[in-house]
Structure formats: structure tokens, C-alpha cells
mmCIF file of all heavy atoms, coordinates in Angstrom:
data_MODEL
# 
_entry.id   MODEL 
# 
loop_
_atom_site.group_PDB 
_atom_site.id 
_atom_site.type_symbol 
_atom_site.label_atom_id 
_atom_site.label_alt_id 
_atom_site.label_comp_id 
_atom_site.label_asym_id 
_atom_site.label_entity_id 
_atom_site.label_seq_id 
_atom_site.pdbx_PDB_ins_code 
_atom_site.Cartn_x 
_atom_site.Cartn_y 
_atom_site.Cartn_z 
_atom_site.occupancy 
_atom_site.B_iso_or_equiv 
_atom_site.pdbx_formal_charge 
_atom_site.auth_seq_id 
_atom_site.auth_comp_id 
_atom_site.auth_asym_id 
_atom_site.auth_atom_id 
_atom_site.pdbx_PDB_model_num 
ATOM 1   N N   . ALA A 1 1  ? -16.427 4.408  3.508   1.00 0.00 ? 1  ALA A N   1 
ATOM 2   C CA  . ALA A 1 1  ? -15.060 3.887  3.413   1.00 0.00 ? 1  ALA A CA  1 
ATOM 3   C C   . ALA A 1 1  ? -14.082 4.805  4.141   1.00 0.00 ? 1  ALA A C   1 
ATOM 4   O O   . ALA A 1 1  ? -13.199 4.341  4.877   1.00 0.00 ? 1  ALA A O   1 
ATOM 5   C CB  . ALA A 1 1  ? -14.660 3.738  1.948   1.00 0.00 ? 1  ALA A CB  1 
ATOM 6   N N   . TYR A 1 2  ? -14.227 6.105  3.948   1.00 0.00 ? 2  TYR A N   1 
ATOM 7   C CA  . TYR A 1 2  ? -13.336 7.041  4.633   1.00 0.00 ? 2  TYR A CA  1 
ATOM 8   C C   . TYR A 1 2  ? -13.549 7.010  6.144   1.00 0.00 ? 2  TYR A C   1 
ATOM 9   O O   . TYR A 1 2  ? -12.582 7.059  6.920   1.00 0.00 ? 2  TYR A O   1 
ATOM 10  C CB  . TYR A 1 2  ? -13.533 8.456  4.106   1.00 0.00 ? 2  TYR A CB  1 
ATOM 11  C CG  . TYR A 1 2  ? -12.695 8.767  2.893   1.00 0.00 ? 2  TYR A CG  1 
ATOM 12  C CD1 . TYR A 1 2  ? -13.271 9.316  1.755   1.00 0.00 ? 2  TYR A CD1 1 
ATOM 13  C CD2 . TYR A 1 2  ? -11.329 8.506  2.880   1.00 0.00 ? 2  TYR A CD2 1 
ATOM 14  C CE1 . TYR A 1 2  ? -12.506 9.607  0.633   1.00 0.00 ? 2  TYR A CE1 1 
ATOM 15  C CE2 . TYR A 1 2  ? -10.556 8.788  1.767   1.00 0.00 ? 2  TYR A CE2 1 
ATOM 16  C CZ  . TYR A 1 2  ? -11.152 9.344  0.648   1.00 0.00 ? 2  TYR A CZ  1 
ATOM 17  O OH  . TYR A 1 2  ? -10.375 9.622  -0.459  1.00 0.00 ? 2  TYR A OH  1 
ATOM 18  N N   . LEU A 1 3  ? -14.787 6.932  6.584   1.00 0.00 ? 3  LEU A N   1 
ATOM 19  C CA  . LEU A 1 3  ? -15.049 6.891  8.025   1.00 0.00 ? 3  LEU A CA  1 
ATOM 20  C C   . LEU A 1 3  ? -14.416 5.656  8.659   1.00 0.00 ? 3  LEU A C   1 
ATOM 21  O O   . LEU A 1 3  ? -13.841 5.725  9.750   1.00 0.00 ? 3  LEU A O   1 
ATOM 22  C CB  . LEU A 1 3  ? -16.558 6.913  8.283   1.00 0.00 ? 3  LEU A CB  1 
ATOM 23  C CG  . LEU A 1 3  ? -17.263 8.239  7.992   1.00 0.00 ? 3  LEU A CG  1 
ATOM 24  C CD1 . LEU A 1 3  ? -18.770 8.097  8.143   1.00 0.00 ? 3  LEU A CD1 1 
ATOM 25  C CD2 . LEU A 1 3  ? -16.747 9.349  8.911   1.00 0.00 ? 3  LEU A CD2 1 
ATOM 26  N N   . ALA A 1 4  ? -14.506 4.509  7.976   1.00 0.00 ? 4  ALA A N   1 
ATOM 27  C CA  . ALA A 1 4  ? -13.866 3.292  8.486   1.00 0.00 ? 4  ALA A CA  1 
ATOM 28  C C   . ALA A 1 4  ? -12.354 3.458  8.516   1.00 0.00 ? 4  ALA A C   1 
ATOM 29  O O   . ALA A 1 4  ? -11.683 3.042  9.467   1.00 0.00 ? 4  ALA A O   1 
ATOM 30  C CB  . ALA A 1 4  ? -14.263 2.095  7.625   1.00 0.00 ? 4  ALA A CB  1 
ATOM 31  N N   . GLY A 1 5  ? -11.810 4.073  7.477   1.00 0.00 ? 5  GLY A N   1 
ATOM 32  C CA  . GLY A 1 5  ? -10.370 4.311  7.432   1.00 0.00 ? 5  GLY A CA  1 
ATOM 33  C C   . GLY A 1 5  ? -9.911  5.282  8.503   1.00 0.00 ? 5  GLY A C   1 
ATOM 34  O O   . GLY A 1 5  ? -8.868  5.080  9.144   1.00 0.00 ? 5  GLY A O   1 
ATOM 35  N N   . PHE A 1 6  ? -10.687 6.345  8.722   1.00 0.00 ? 6  PHE A N   1 
ATOM 36  C CA  . PHE A 1 6  ? -10.359 7.302  9.778   1.00 0.00 ? 6  PHE A CA  1 
ATOM 37  C C   . PHE A 1 6  ? -10.328 6.611  11.140  1.00 0.00 ? 6  PHE A C   1 
ATOM 38  O O   . PHE A 1 6  ? -9.413  6.822  11.939  1.00 0.00 ? 6  PHE A O   1 
ATOM 39  C CB  . PHE A 1 6  ? -11.403 8.422  9.825   1.00 0.00 ? 6  PHE A CB  1 
ATOM 40  C CG  . PHE A 1 6  ? -11.349 9.381  8.671   1.00 0.00 ? 6  PHE A CG  1 
ATOM 41  C CD1 . PHE A 1 6  ? -12.485 10.120 8.326   1.00 0.00 ? 6  PHE A CD1 1 
ATOM 42  C CD2 . PHE A 1 6  ? -10.201 9.573  7.932   1.00 0.00 ? 6  PHE A CD2 1 
ATOM 43  C CE1 . PHE A 1 6  ? -12.465 11.014 7.279   1.00 0.00 ? 6  PHE A CE1 1 
ATOM 44  C CE2 . PHE A 1 6  ? -10.163 10.461 6.863   1.00 0.00 ? 6  PHE A CE2 1 
ATOM 45  C CZ  . PHE A 1 6  ? -11.303 11.189 6.543   1.00 0.00 ? 6  PHE A CZ  1 
ATOM 46  N N   . GLN A 1 7  ? -11.342 5.797  11.396  1.00 0.00 ? 7  GLN A N   1 
ATOM 47  C CA  . GLN A 1 7  ? -11.421 5.118  12.691  1.00 0.00 ? 7  GLN A CA  1 
ATOM 48  C C   . GLN A 1 7  ? -10.195 4.240  12.927  1.00 0.00 ? 7  GLN A C   1 
ATOM 49  O O   . GLN A 1 7  ? -9.581  4.281  13.998  1.00 0.00 ? 7  GLN A O   1 
ATOM 50  C CB  . GLN A 1 7  ? -12.694 4.270  12.778  1.00 0.00 ? 7  GLN A CB  1 
ATOM 51  C CG  . GLN A 1 7  ? -12.838 3.540  14.102  1.00 0.00 ? 7  GLN A CG  1 
ATOM 52  C CD  . GLN A 1 7  ? -14.112 2.707  14.177  1.00 0.00 ? 7  GLN A CD  1 
ATOM 53  O OE1 . GLN A 1 7  ? -14.969 2.768  13.294  1.00 0.00 ? 7  GLN A OE1 1 
ATOM 54  N NE2 . GLN A 1 7  ? -14.257 1.922  15.243  1.00 0.00 ? 7  GLN A NE2 1 
ATOM 55  N N   . TRP A 1 8  ? -9.821  3.473  11.904  1.00 0.00 ? 8  TRP A N   1 
ATOM 56  C CA  . TRP A 1 8  ? -8.655  2.604  12.051  1.00 0.00 ? 8  TRP A CA  1 
ATOM 57  C C   . TRP A 1 8  ? -7.383  3.428  12.241  1.00 0.00 ? 8  TRP A C   1 
ATOM 58  O O   . TRP A 1 8  ? -6.561  3.132  13.117  1.00 0.00 ? 8  TRP A O   1 
ATOM 59  C CB  . TRP A 1 8  ? -8.511  1.692  10.836  1.00 0.00 ? 8  TRP A CB  1 
ATOM 60  C CG  . TRP A 1 8  ? -7.389  0.709  10.979  1.00 0.00 ? 8  TRP A CG  1 
ATOM 61  C CD1 . TRP A 1 8  ? -7.414  -0.482 11.663  1.00 0.00 ? 8  TRP A CD1 1 
ATOM 62  C CD2 . TRP A 1 8  ? -6.063  0.832  10.462  1.00 0.00 ? 8  TRP A CD2 1 
ATOM 63  N NE1 . TRP A 1 8  ? -6.190  -1.099 11.587  1.00 0.00 ? 8  TRP A NE1 1 
ATOM 64  C CE2 . TRP A 1 8  ? -5.341  -0.317 10.855  1.00 0.00 ? 8  TRP A CE2 1 
ATOM 65  C CE3 . TRP A 1 8  ? -5.422  1.796  9.687   1.00 0.00 ? 8  TRP A CE3 1 
ATOM 66  C CZ2 . TRP A 1 8  ? -4.007  -0.527 10.502  1.00 0.00 ? 8  TRP A CZ2 1 
ATOM 67  C CZ3 . TRP A 1 8  ? -4.096  1.592  9.342   1.00 0.00 ? 8  TRP A CZ3 1 
ATOM 68  C CH2 . TRP A 1 8  ? -3.401  0.447  9.748   1.00 0.00 ? 8  TRP A CH2 1 
ATOM 69  N N   . GLY A 1 9  ? -7.221  4.458  11.450  1.00 0.00 ? 9  GLY A N   1 
ATOM 70  C CA  . GLY A 1 9  ? -6.022  5.272  11.545  1.00 0.00 ? 9  GLY A CA  1 
ATOM 71  C C   . GLY A 1 9  ? -5.885  5.964  12.889  1.00 0.00 ? 9  GLY A C   1 
ATOM 72  O O   . GLY A 1 9  ? -4.780  6.037  13.457  1.00 0.00 ? 9  GLY A O   1 
ATOM 73  N N   . LEU A 1 10 ? -6.992  6.456  13.417  1.00 0.00 ? 10 LEU A N   1 
ATOM 74  C CA  . LEU A 1 10 ? -6.951  7.102  14.730  1.00 0.00 ? 10 LEU A CA  1 
ATOM 75  C C   . LEU A 1 10 ? -6.620  6.086  15.819  1.00 0.00 ? 10 LEU A C   1 
ATOM 76  O O   . LEU A 1 10 ? -5.865  6.383  16.755  1.00 0.00 ? 10 LEU A O   1 
ATOM 77  C CB  . LEU A 1 10 ? -8.289  7.791  15.012  1.00 0.00 ? 10 LEU A CB  1 
ATOM 78  C CG  . LEU A 1 10 ? -8.621  9.005  14.121  1.00 0.00 ? 10 LEU A CG  1 
ATOM 79  C CD1 . LEU A 1 10 ? -10.050 9.461  14.359  1.00 0.00 ? 10 LEU A CD1 1 
ATOM 80  C CD2 . LEU A 1 10 ? -7.643  10.150 14.381  1.00 0.00 ? 10 LEU A CD2 1 
ATOM 81  N N   . GLU A 1 11 ? -7.186  4.888  15.711  1.00 0.00 ? 11 GLU A N   1 
ATOM 82  C CA  . GLU A 1 11 ? -6.895  3.845  16.701  1.00 0.00 ? 11 GLU A CA  1 
ATOM 83  C C   . GLU A 1 11 ? -5.417  3.456  16.685  1.00 0.00 ? 11 GLU A C   1 
ATOM 84  O O   . GLU A 1 11 ? -4.853  3.094  17.723  1.00 0.00 ? 11 GLU A O   1 
ATOM 85  C CB  . GLU A 1 11 ? -7.758  2.611  16.423  1.00 0.00 ? 11 GLU A CB  1 
ATOM 86  C CG  . GLU A 1 11 ? -9.232  2.814  16.736  1.00 0.00 ? 11 GLU A CG  1 
ATOM 87  C CD  . GLU A 1 11 ? -10.075 1.634  16.295  1.00 0.00 ? 11 GLU A CD  1 
ATOM 88  O OE1 . GLU A 1 11 ? -9.524  0.738  15.596  1.00 0.00 ? 11 GLU A OE1 1 
ATOM 89  O OE2 . GLU A 1 11 ? -11.282 1.598  16.626  1.00 0.00 ? 11 GLU A OE2 1 
ATOM 90  N N   . GLN A 1 12 ? -4.786  3.536  15.519  1.00 0.00 ? 12 GLN A N   1 
ATOM 91  C CA  . GLN A 1 12 ? -3.378  3.148  15.383  1.00 0.00 ? 12 GLN A CA  1 
ATOM 92  C C   . GLN A 1 12 ? -2.423  4.287  15.724  1.00 0.00 ? 12 GLN A C   1 
ATOM 93  O O   . GLN A 1 12 ? -1.207  4.093  15.687  1.00 0.00 ? 12 GLN A O   1 
ATOM 94  C CB  . GLN A 1 12 ? -3.099  2.651  13.963  1.00 0.00 ? 12 GLN A CB  1 
ATOM 95  C CG  . GLN A 1 12 ? -3.958  1.476  13.526  1.00 0.00 ? 12 GLN A CG  1 
ATOM 96  C CD  . GLN A 1 12 ? -3.906  0.310  14.496  1.00 0.00 ? 12 GLN A CD  1 
ATOM 97  O OE1 . GLN A 1 12 ? -2.833  -0.068 14.949  1.00 0.00 ? 12 GLN A OE1 1 
ATOM 98  N NE2 . GLN A 1 12 ? -5.059  -0.234 14.855  1.00 0.00 ? 12 GLN A NE2 1 
ATOM 99  N N   . GLY A 1 13 ? -2.941  5.441  16.059  1.00 0.00 ? 13 GLY A N   1 
ATOM 100 C CA  . GLY A 1 13 ? -2.093  6.539  16.517  1.00 0.00 ? 13 GLY A CA  1 
ATOM 101 C C   . GLY A 1 13 ? -1.441  7.380  15.444  1.00 0.00 ? 13 GLY A C   1 
ATOM 102 O O   . GLY A 1 13 ? -0.446  8.065  15.714  1.00 0.00 ? 13 GLY A O   1 
ATOM 103 N N   . TYR A 1 14 ? -1.979  7.381  14.216  1.00 0.00 ? 14 TYR A N   1 
ATOM 104 C CA  . TYR A 1 14 ? -1.432  8.256  13.186  1.00 0.00 ? 14 TYR A CA  1 
ATOM 105 C C   . TYR A 1 14 ? -1.754  9.710  13.525  1.00 0.00 ? 14 TYR A C   1 
ATOM 106 O O   . TYR A 1 14 ? -2.804  10.023 14.091  1.00 0.00 ? 14 TYR A O   1 
ATOM 107 C CB  . TYR A 1 14 ? -1.980  7.893  11.812  1.00 0.00 ? 14 TYR A CB  1 
ATOM 108 C CG  . TYR A 1 14 ? -1.403  6.607  11.266  1.00 0.00 ? 14 TYR A CG  1 
ATOM 109 C CD1 . TYR A 1 14 ? -2.065  5.392  11.427  1.00 0.00 ? 14 TYR A CD1 1 
ATOM 110 C CD2 . TYR A 1 14 ? -0.179  6.608  10.609  1.00 0.00 ? 14 TYR A CD2 1 
ATOM 111 C CE1 . TYR A 1 14 ? -1.532  4.215  10.941  1.00 0.00 ? 14 TYR A CE1 1 
ATOM 112 C CE2 . TYR A 1 14 ? 0.371   5.432  10.115  1.00 0.00 ? 14 TYR A CE2 1 
ATOM 113 C CZ  . TYR A 1 14 ? -0.311  4.243  10.288  1.00 0.00 ? 14 TYR A CZ  1 
ATOM 114 O OH  . TYR A 1 14 ? 0.229   3.064  9.815   1.00 0.00 ? 14 TYR A OH  1 
ATOM 115 N N   . ASP A 1 15 ? -0.848  10.601 13.150  1.00 0.00 ? 15 ASP A N   1 
ATOM 116 C CA  . ASP A 1 15 ? -1.008  12.032 13.432  1.00 0.00 ? 15 ASP A CA  1 
ATOM 117 C C   . ASP A 1 15 ? -1.717  12.774 12.316  1.00 0.00 ? 15 ASP A C   1 
ATOM 118 O O   . ASP A 1 15 ? -2.352  13.804 12.544  1.00 0.00 ? 15 ASP A O   1 
ATOM 119 C CB  . ASP A 1 15 ? 0.362   12.674 13.648  1.00 0.00 ? 15 ASP A CB  1 
ATOM 120 C CG  . ASP A 1 15 ? 1.118   12.018 14.781  1.00 0.00 ? 15 ASP A CG  1 
ATOM 121 O OD1 . ASP A 1 15 ? 0.724   12.213 15.937  1.00 0.00 ? 15 ASP A OD1 1 
ATOM 122 O OD2 . ASP A 1 15 ? 2.105   11.300 14.509  1.00 0.00 ? 15 ASP A OD2 1 
ATOM 123 N N   . VAL A 1 16 ? -1.582  12.272 11.094  1.00 0.00 ? 16 VAL A N   1 
ATOM 124 C CA  . VAL A 1 16 ? -2.172  12.904 9.914   1.00 0.00 ? 16 VAL A CA  1 
ATOM 125 C C   . VAL A 1 16 ? -2.873  11.842 9.088   1.00 0.00 ? 16 VAL A C   1 
ATOM 126 O O   . VAL A 1 16 ? -2.312  10.762 8.843   1.00 0.00 ? 16 VAL A O   1 
ATOM 127 C CB  . VAL A 1 16 ? -1.090  13.598 9.052   1.00 0.00 ? 16 VAL A CB  1 
ATOM 128 C CG1 . VAL A 1 16 ? -1.680  14.124 7.749   1.00 0.00 ? 16 VAL A CG1 1 
ATOM 129 C CG2 . VAL A 1 16 ? -0.415  14.717 9.838   1.00 0.00 ? 16 VAL A CG2 1 
ATOM 130 N N   . LEU A 1 17 ? -4.098  12.146 8.657   1.00 0.00 ? 17 LEU A N   1 
ATOM 131 C CA  . LEU A 1 17 ? -4.850  11.224 7.809   1.00 0.00 ? 17 LEU A CA  1 
ATOM 132 C C   . LEU A 1 17 ? -5.236  11.954 6.531   1.00 0.00 ? 17 LEU A C   1 
ATOM 133 O O   . LEU A 1 17 ? -5.780  13.059 6.577   1.00 0.00 ? 17 LEU A O   1 
ATOM 134 C CB  . LEU A 1 17 ? -6.091  10.700 8.545   1.00 0.00 ? 17 LEU A CB  1 
ATOM 135 C CG  . LEU A 1 17 ? -5.749  9.830  9.775   1.00 0.00 ? 17 LEU A CG  1 
ATOM 136 C CD1 . LEU A 1 17 ? -5.748  10.689 11.035  1.00 0.00 ? 17 LEU A CD1 1 
ATOM 137 C CD2 . LEU A 1 17 ? -6.728  8.679  9.932   1.00 0.00 ? 17 LEU A CD2 1 
ATOM 138 N N   . VAL A 1 18 ? -4.943  11.318 5.402   1.00 0.00 ? 18 VAL A N   1 
ATOM 139 C CA  . VAL A 1 18 ? -5.101  11.943 4.092   1.00 0.00 ? 18 VAL A CA  1 
ATOM 140 C C   . VAL A 1 18 ? -6.149  11.203 3.283   1.00 0.00 ? 18 VAL A C   1 
ATOM 141 O O   . VAL A 1 18 ? -6.170  9.967  3.260   1.00 0.00 ? 18 VAL A O   1 
ATOM 142 C CB  . VAL A 1 18 ? -3.767  11.945 3.326   1.00 0.00 ? 18 VAL A CB  1 
ATOM 143 C CG1 . VAL A 1 18 ? -3.938  12.531 1.915   1.00 0.00 ? 18 VAL A CG1 1 
ATOM 144 C CG2 . VAL A 1 18 ? -2.695  12.712 4.102   1.00 0.00 ? 18 VAL A CG2 1 
ATOM 145 N N   . GLU A 1 19 ? -7.004  11.951 2.602   1.00 0.00 ? 19 GLU A N   1 
ATOM 146 C CA  . GLU A 1 19 ? -7.920  11.384 1.623   1.00 0.00 ? 19 GLU A CA  1 
ATOM 147 C C   . GLU A 1 19 ? -7.288  11.485 0.237   1.00 0.00 ? 19 GLU A C   1 
ATOM 148 O O   . GLU A 1 19 ? -6.792  12.549 -0.142  1.00 0.00 ? 19 GLU A O   1 
ATOM 149 C CB  . GLU A 1 19 ? -9.239  12.154 1.597   1.00 0.00 ? 19 GLU A CB  1 
ATOM 150 C CG  . GLU A 1 19 ? -10.046 12.121 2.874   1.00 0.00 ? 19 GLU A CG  1 
ATOM 151 C CD  . GLU A 1 19 ? -11.331 12.915 2.739   1.00 0.00 ? 19 GLU A CD  1 
ATOM 152 O OE1 . GLU A 1 19 ? -11.578 13.495 1.647   1.00 0.00 ? 19 GLU A OE1 1 
ATOM 153 O OE2 . GLU A 1 19 ? -12.078 12.975 3.716   1.00 0.00 ? 19 GLU A OE2 1 
ATOM 154 N N   . MET A 1 20 ? -7.338  10.400 -0.520  1.00 0.00 ? 20 MET A N   1 
ATOM 155 C CA  . MET A 1 20 ? -6.801  10.414 -1.882  1.00 0.00 ? 20 MET A CA  1 
ATOM 156 C C   . MET A 1 20 ? -7.575  9.432  -2.742  1.00 0.00 ? 20 MET A C   1 
ATOM 157 O O   . MET A 1 20 ? -7.880  8.320  -2.305  1.00 0.00 ? 20 MET A O   1 
ATOM 158 C CB  . MET A 1 20 ? -5.313  10.043 -1.887  1.00 0.00 ? 20 MET A CB  1 
ATOM 159 C CG  . MET A 1 20 ? -4.672  10.023 -3.273  1.00 0.00 ? 20 MET A CG  1 
ATOM 160 S SD  . MET A 1 20 ? -2.934  9.467  -3.240  1.00 0.00 ? 20 MET A SD  1 
ATOM 161 C CE  . MET A 1 20 ? -2.166  10.873 -2.436  1.00 0.00 ? 20 MET A CE  1 
ATOM 162 N N   . ASP A 1 21 ? -7.898  9.836  -3.972  1.00 0.00 ? 21 ASP A N   1 
ATOM 163 C CA  . ASP A 1 21 ? -8.590  8.953  -4.900  1.00 0.00 ? 21 ASP A CA  1 
ATOM 164 C C   . ASP A 1 21 ? -7.659  7.862  -5.414  1.00 0.00 ? 21 ASP A C   1 
ATOM 165 O O   . ASP A 1 21 ? -6.435  8.048  -5.486  1.00 0.00 ? 21 ASP A O   1 
ATOM 166 C CB  . ASP A 1 21 ? -9.131  9.744  -6.089  1.00 0.00 ? 21 ASP A CB  1 
ATOM 167 C CG  . ASP A 1 21 ? -10.392 10.526 -5.732  1.00 0.00 ? 21 ASP A CG  1 
ATOM 168 O OD1 . ASP A 1 21 ? -10.887 10.377 -4.601  1.00 0.00 ? 21 ASP A OD1 1 
ATOM 169 O OD2 . ASP A 1 21 ? -10.867 11.297 -6.596  1.00 0.00 ? 21 ASP A OD2 1 
ATOM 170 N N   . ALA A 1 22 ? -8.247  6.743  -5.833  1.00 0.00 ? 22 ALA A N   1 
ATOM 171 C CA  . ALA A 1 22 ? -7.469  5.599  -6.301  1.00 0.00 ? 22 ALA A CA  1 
ATOM 172 C C   . ALA A 1 22 ? -7.161  5.644  -7.789  1.00 0.00 ? 22 ALA A C   1 
ATOM 173 O O   . ALA A 1 22 ? -6.396  4.815  -8.283  1.00 0.00 ? 22 ALA A O   1 
ATOM 174 C CB  . ALA A 1 22 ? -8.228  4.308  -5.992  1.00 0.00 ? 22 ALA A CB  1 
ATOM 175 N N   . ASP A 1 23 ? -7.753  6.586  -8.519  1.00 0.00 ? 23 ASP A N   1 
ATOM 176 C CA  . ASP A 1 23 ? -7.648  6.558  -9.981  1.00 0.00 ? 23 ASP A CA  1 
ATOM 177 C C   . ASP A 1 23 ? -6.530  7.424  -10.540 1.00 0.00 ? 23 ASP A C   1 
ATOM 178 O O   . ASP A 1 23 ? -6.392  7.551  -11.762 1.00 0.00 ? 23 ASP A O   1 
ATOM 179 C CB  . ASP A 1 23 ? -8.983  6.971  -10.604 1.00 0.00 ? 23 ASP A CB  1 
ATOM 180 C CG  . ASP A 1 23 ? -9.418  8.373  -10.189 1.00 0.00 ? 23 ASP A CG  1 
ATOM 181 O OD1 . ASP A 1 23 ? -8.626  9.083  -9.533  1.00 0.00 ? 23 ASP A OD1 1 
ATOM 182 O OD2 . ASP A 1 23 ? -10.561 8.764  -10.522 1.00 0.00 ? 23 ASP A OD2 1 
ATOM 183 N N   . GLY A 1 24 ? -5.727  8.045  -9.665  1.00 0.00 ? 24 GLY A N   1 
ATOM 184 C CA  . GLY A 1 24 ? -4.634  8.883  -10.126 1.00 0.00 ? 24 GLY A CA  1 
ATOM 185 C C   . GLY A 1 24 ? -5.004  10.323 -10.371 1.00 0.00 ? 24 GLY A C   1 
ATOM 186 O O   . GLY A 1 24 ? -4.142  11.130 -10.730 1.00 0.00 ? 24 GLY A O   1 
ATOM 187 N N   . SER A 1 25 ? -6.272  10.668 -10.190 1.00 0.00 ? 25 SER A N   1 
ATOM 188 C CA  . SER A 1 25 ? -6.690  12.059 -10.414 1.00 0.00 ? 25 SER A CA  1 
ATOM 189 C C   . SER A 1 25 ? -6.083  13.008 -9.375  1.00 0.00 ? 25 SER A C   1 
ATOM 190 O O   . SER A 1 25 ? -5.833  14.179 -9.665  1.00 0.00 ? 25 SER A O   1 
ATOM 191 C CB  . SER A 1 25 ? -8.217  12.168 -10.407 1.00 0.00 ? 25 SER A CB  1 
ATOM 192 O OG  . SER A 1 25 ? -8.752  11.682 -9.196  1.00 0.00 ? 25 SER A OG  1 
ATOM 193 N N   . HIS A 1 26 ? -5.866  12.495 -8.169  1.00 0.00 ? 26 HIS A N   1 
ATOM 194 C CA  . HIS A 1 26 ? -5.128  13.238 -7.146  1.00 0.00 ? 26 HIS A CA  1 
ATOM 195 C C   . HIS A 1 26 ? -3.666  12.834 -7.251  1.00 0.00 ? 26 HIS A C   1 
ATOM 196 O O   . HIS A 1 26 ? -3.304  11.715 -6.892  1.00 0.00 ? 26 HIS A O   1 
ATOM 197 C CB  . HIS A 1 26 ? -5.667  12.926 -5.744  1.00 0.00 ? 26 HIS A CB  1 
ATOM 198 C CG  . HIS A 1 26 ? -7.082  13.338 -5.545  1.00 0.00 ? 26 HIS A CG  1 
ATOM 199 N ND1 . HIS A 1 26 ? -7.926  12.699 -4.668  1.00 0.00 ? 26 HIS A ND1 1 
ATOM 200 C CD2 . HIS A 1 26 ? -7.811  14.330 -6.113  1.00 0.00 ? 26 HIS A CD2 1 
ATOM 201 C CE1 . HIS A 1 26 ? -9.110  13.280 -4.693  1.00 0.00 ? 26 HIS A CE1 1 
ATOM 202 N NE2 . HIS A 1 26 ? -9.062  14.275 -5.567  1.00 0.00 ? 26 HIS A NE2 1 
ATOM 203 N N   . ARG A 1 27 ? -2.845  13.707 -7.736  1.00 0.00 ? 27 ARG A N   1 
ATOM 204 C CA  . ARG A 1 27 ? -1.452  13.341 -8.012  1.00 0.00 ? 27 ARG A CA  1 
ATOM 205 C C   . ARG A 1 27 ? -0.666  13.177 -6.707  1.00 0.00 ? 27 ARG A C   1 
ATOM 206 O O   . ARG A 1 27 ? -0.516  14.134 -5.936  1.00 0.00 ? 27 ARG A O   1 
ATOM 207 C CB  . ARG A 1 27 ? -0.794  14.399 -8.896  1.00 0.00 ? 27 ARG A CB  1 
ATOM 208 C CG  . ARG A 1 27 ? -1.465  14.551 -10.259 1.00 0.00 ? 27 ARG A CG  1 
ATOM 209 C CD  . ARG A 1 27 ? -0.584  15.287 -11.241 1.00 0.00 ? 27 ARG A CD  1 
ATOM 210 N NE  . ARG A 1 27 ? -0.253  16.624 -10.748 1.00 0.00 ? 27 ARG A NE  1 
ATOM 211 C CZ  . ARG A 1 27 ? 0.615   17.440 -11.324 1.00 0.00 ? 27 ARG A CZ  1 
ATOM 212 N NH1 . ARG A 1 27 ? 1.267   17.038 -12.419 1.00 0.00 ? 27 ARG A NH1 1 
ATOM 213 N NH2 . ARG A 1 27 ? 0.851   18.625 -10.828 1.00 0.00 ? 27 ARG A NH2 1 
ATOM 214 N N   . PRO A 1 28 ? -0.144  11.985 -6.447  1.00 0.00 ? 28 PRO A N   1 
ATOM 215 C CA  . PRO A 1 28 ? 0.630   11.766 -5.218  1.00 0.00 ? 28 PRO A CA  1 
ATOM 216 C C   . PRO A 1 28 ? 1.839   12.681 -5.105  1.00 0.00 ? 28 PRO A C   1 
ATOM 217 O O   . PRO A 1 28 ? 2.266   13.017 -3.999  1.00 0.00 ? 28 PRO A O   1 
ATOM 218 C CB  . PRO A 1 28 ? 1.058   10.300 -5.334  1.00 0.00 ? 28 PRO A CB  1 
ATOM 219 C CG  . PRO A 1 28 ? 0.041   9.665  -6.222  1.00 0.00 ? 28 PRO A CG  1 
ATOM 220 C CD  . PRO A 1 28 ? -0.313  10.724 -7.227  1.00 0.00 ? 28 PRO A CD  1 
ATOM 221 N N   . GLU A 1 29 ? 2.366   13.114 -6.232  1.00 0.00 ? 29 GLU A N   1 
ATOM 222 C CA  . GLU A 1 29 ? 3.542   13.981 -6.224  1.00 0.00 ? 29 GLU A CA  1 
ATOM 223 C C   . GLU A 1 29 ? 3.258   15.337 -5.580  1.00 0.00 ? 29 GLU A C   1 
ATOM 224 O O   . GLU A 1 29 ? 4.192   16.053 -5.207  1.00 0.00 ? 29 GLU A O   1 
ATOM 225 C CB  . GLU A 1 29 ? 4.053   14.189 -7.654  1.00 0.00 ? 29 GLU A CB  1 
ATOM 226 C CG  . GLU A 1 29 ? 4.591   12.941 -8.314  1.00 0.00 ? 29 GLU A CG  1 
ATOM 227 C CD  . GLU A 1 29 ? 3.501   12.005 -8.851  1.00 0.00 ? 29 GLU A CD  1 
ATOM 228 O OE1 . GLU A 1 29 ? 2.307   12.428 -8.893  1.00 0.00 ? 29 GLU A OE1 1 
ATOM 229 O OE2 . GLU A 1 29 ? 3.823   10.856 -9.220  1.00 0.00 ? 29 GLU A OE2 1 
ATOM 230 N N   . GLU A 1 30 ? 1.989   15.684 -5.437  1.00 0.00 ? 30 GLU A N   1 
ATOM 231 C CA  . GLU A 1 30 ? 1.632   16.954 -4.820  1.00 0.00 ? 30 GLU A CA  1 
ATOM 232 C C   . GLU A 1 30 ? 1.369   16.841 -3.317  1.00 0.00 ? 30 GLU A C   1 
ATOM 233 O O   . GLU A 1 30 ? 1.183   17.858 -2.643  1.00 0.00 ? 30 GLU A O   1 
ATOM 234 C CB  . GLU A 1 30 ? 0.400   17.554 -5.513  1.00 0.00 ? 30 GLU A CB  1 
ATOM 235 C CG  . GLU A 1 30 ? 0.675   17.931 -6.956  1.00 0.00 ? 30 GLU A CG  1 
ATOM 236 C CD  . GLU A 1 30 ? -0.491  18.641 -7.620  1.00 0.00 ? 30 GLU A CD  1 
ATOM 237 O OE1 . GLU A 1 30 ? -1.600  18.070 -7.604  1.00 0.00 ? 30 GLU A OE1 1 
ATOM 238 O OE2 . GLU A 1 30 ? -0.294  19.733 -8.156  1.00 0.00 ? 30 GLU A OE2 1 
# 
């Protein structure tokens, strides 16, 4: 899933790509 997301993000020209869990364990506020 991350590899597919990385590929799409790079194709769209994003400068920074972030990995984050969907369950809230990685606090977005940080």
C-alpha cells in the first residue's frame, strides 16, 4: 500500500511523503 502511494505521490510532484497509521496511534498533531 505504501509503495503504491509513494509511486502516485512522486508522479504528482509532491516534495514530502509521510507515512501515518489510520487508527490514530500516530498523532496528527505531532
